[in-house]
Amino acid sequence: MITSPTLLLLILSMGVLAMADFSVKEASGKISPSLGTLIYALTASGVALAWVFWSRSREPLFMTRWGLAWSIATGVAFSTLVLLLFTVFTSGVNLSIGIPVIRLGGIMLAAILGILVFREPVNLRYVIGFALAVIGILLIVTQ
């Protein structure tokens, strides 16, 4: 069951993600993809650094070797995603087409990993939702 604070975080995350996608689209063609990605990374590092300092005053920080490794993988993945988004949008892809296809495809791949790696449960409702996502991607790209 999702609690109200968690639901609020989910909704806020959706809004921030939408703003990030919109910002990349707006910047594309106005800055080279590599420079845009660097500015993204520097800005993200500043936000993260501020959060570390704020968090440190409230609770002890900790890290495991695997936590470090997967955090690096996350950084590489998101930085590569931003570079790819800049490149996709600079090539002229519409926000209303590129983002749904990329996000739905990414969600589907992450869901498959969740099932295969974490052994997360699958039921009929899930399979129907997955099929609808595939149909949604097909409808978007074949308009």
Protein backbone atom coordinates (compact mmCIF):
# COMPACT_ATOMS: atom_id res chain seq x y z
CA MET A 1 0.00 0.00 0.00
CA ILE A 2 1.31 3.44 -0.93
CA THR A 3 1.14 6.00 1.88
CA SER A 4 0.21 9.65 1.34
CA PRO A 5 3.80 10.91 1.78
CA THR A 6 5.02 8.32 -0.74
CA LEU A 7 2.26 9.26 -3.17
CA LEU A 8 3.29 12.91 -2.86
CA LEU A 9 6.92 11.94 -3.62
CA LEU A 10 5.79 9.94 -6.65
CA ILE A 11 3.78 12.86 -8.02
CA LEU A 12 6.63 15.30 -7.34
CA SER A 13 9.03 12.91 -9.12
CA MET A 14 6.74 12.84 -12.15
CA GLY A 15 6.74 16.62 -12.29
CA VAL A 16 10.51 16.87 -11.95
CA LEU A 17 11.02 14.20 -14.62
CA ALA A 18 8.67 16.04 -16.99
CA MET A 19 10.55 19.30 -16.36
CA ALA A 20 13.89 17.57 -17.03
CA ASP A 21 12.63 16.15 -20.33
CA PHE A 22 11.12 19.50 -21.32
CA SER A 23 14.36 21.31 -20.41
CA VAL A 24 16.46 18.97 -22.55
CA LYS A 25 14.11 19.50 -25.51
CA GLU A 26 14.26 23.27 -25.07
CA ALA A 27 18.07 23.28 -24.86
CA SER A 28 18.54 20.90 -27.82
CA GLY A 29 19.77 22.66 -30.91
CA LYS A 30 20.83 25.61 -28.75
CA ILE A 31 23.83 23.86 -27.21
CA SER A 32 25.97 20.94 -28.36
CA PRO A 33 24.86 17.63 -26.82
CA SER A 34 28.24 17.08 -25.17
CA LEU A 35 28.30 20.55 -23.56
CA GLY A 36 24.66 20.24 -22.51
CA THR A 37 25.43 16.91 -20.86
CA LEU A 38 28.43 18.40 -19.04
CA ILE A 39 26.35 21.28 -17.72
CA TYR A 40 23.68 18.78 -16.63
CA ALA A 41 26.31 16.73 -14.79
CA LEU A 42 27.86 19.75 -13.08
CA THR A 43 24.46 21.06 -12.01
CA ALA A 44 23.37 17.62 -10.78
CA SER A 45 26.62 17.35 -8.81
CA GLY A 46 25.94 20.66 -7.11
CA VAL A 47 22.43 19.59 -6.10
CA ALA A 48 23.75 16.24 -4.85
CA LEU A 49 26.55 17.88 -2.89
CA ALA A 50 24.09 20.20 -1.15
CA TRP A 51 21.91 17.21 -0.27
CA VAL A 52 24.91 15.30 1.15
CA PHE A 53 25.82 18.23 3.41
CA TRP A 54 22.19 18.63 4.53
CA SER A 55 21.76 14.86 5.10
CA ARG A 56 25.04 14.55 6.99
CA SER A 57 23.77 16.95 9.61
CA ARG A 58 20.72 14.73 10.20
CA GLU A 59 22.08 11.17 9.95
CA PRO A 60 25.41 9.42 9.46
CA LEU A 61 26.42 8.73 5.88
CA PHE A 62 27.42 5.20 4.92
CA MET A 63 28.63 3.36 1.84
CA THR A 64 29.32 -0.19 0.82
CA ARG A 65 31.46 -1.30 -2.11
CA TRP A 66 28.36 -2.42 -4.02
CA GLY A 67 26.55 0.78 -3.15
CA LEU A 68 29.44 2.75 -4.65
CA ALA A 69 29.57 0.55 -7.76
CA TRP A 70 25.84 0.78 -8.44
CA SER A 71 25.82 4.53 -7.77
CA ILE A 72 28.55 4.94 -10.39
CA ALA A 73 26.52 2.81 -12.79
CA THR A 74 23.52 5.07 -12.12
CA GLY A 75 25.57 8.16 -12.89
CA VAL A 76 26.92 6.68 -16.11
CA ALA A 77 23.42 5.60 -17.15
CA PHE A 78 21.74 8.95 -16.46
CA SER A 79 24.56 10.95 -18.05
CA THR A 80 24.40 8.74 -21.13
CA LEU A 81 20.61 9.12 -21.21
CA VAL A 82 20.91 12.90 -21.13
CA LEU A 83 23.50 12.82 -23.92
CA LEU A 84 21.20 10.60 -25.98
CA LEU A 85 18.19 12.84 -25.28
CA PHE A 86 20.12 15.93 -26.43
CA THR A 87 21.14 14.06 -29.58
CA VAL A 88 17.63 12.71 -30.27
CA PHE A 89 16.01 16.11 -29.86
CA THR A 90 18.72 17.93 -31.81
CA SER A 91 17.90 15.58 -34.70
CA GLY A 92 14.34 16.95 -34.67
CA VAL A 93 12.33 14.32 -32.79
CA ASN A 94 9.24 15.79 -31.14
CA LEU A 95 9.04 15.77 -27.33
CA SER A 96 5.56 14.23 -27.54
CA ILE A 97 6.93 11.25 -29.48
CA GLY A 98 10.48 10.77 -28.18
CA ILE A 99 9.76 10.88 -24.46
CA PRO A 100 6.83 8.44 -24.37
CA VAL A 101 8.70 5.94 -26.55
CA ILE A 102 11.92 6.22 -24.53
CA ARG A 103 10.20 6.19 -21.14
CA LEU A 104 7.76 3.38 -21.91
CA GLY A 105 10.53 1.30 -23.47
CA GLY A 106 12.76 1.96 -20.47
CA ILE A 107 9.97 1.11 -18.05
CA MET A 108 9.35 -2.15 -19.86
CA LEU A 109 13.04 -3.10 -19.82
CA ALA A 110 13.34 -2.21 -16.13
CA ALA A 111 10.21 -4.25 -15.39
CA ILE A 112 11.69 -7.26 -17.19
CA LEU A 113 14.87 -6.89 -15.12
CA GLY A 114 12.76 -6.71 -11.96
CA ILE A 115 11.06 -9.96 -12.90
CA LEU A 116 14.21 -11.79 -13.98
CA VAL A 117 16.73 -10.47 -11.43
CA PHE A 118 14.62 -9.69 -8.35
CA ARG A 119 12.01 -12.38 -9.01
CA GLU A 120 9.20 -9.85 -8.69
CA PRO A 121 5.73 -11.35 -9.13
CA VAL A 122 3.78 -11.24 -12.40
CA ASN A 123 0.03 -11.58 -12.70
CA LEU A 124 -2.55 -11.27 -15.49
CA ARG A 125 -3.17 -7.59 -14.75
CA TYR A 126 0.54 -6.93 -15.07
CA VAL A 127 0.74 -8.79 -18.41
CA ILE A 128 -2.23 -6.79 -19.74
CA GLY A 129 -0.57 -3.53 -18.65
CA PHE A 130 2.66 -4.57 -20.31
CA ALA A 131 0.80 -5.41 -23.54
CA LEU A 132 -0.95 -2.02 -23.43
CA ALA A 133 2.44 -0.31 -23.07
CA VAL A 134 3.70 -2.15 -26.18
CA ILE A 135 0.57 -1.13 -28.07
CA GLY A 136 1.02 2.45 -26.83
CA ILE A 137 4.58 2.60 -28.16
CA LEU A 138 3.44 1.20 -31.52
CA LEU A 139 0.61 3.75 -31.74
CA ILE A 140 2.98 6.63 -30.92
CA VAL A 141 5.70 5.70 -33.42
CA THR A 142 3.32 4.85 -36.27
CA GLN A 143 1.16 7.97 -36.17
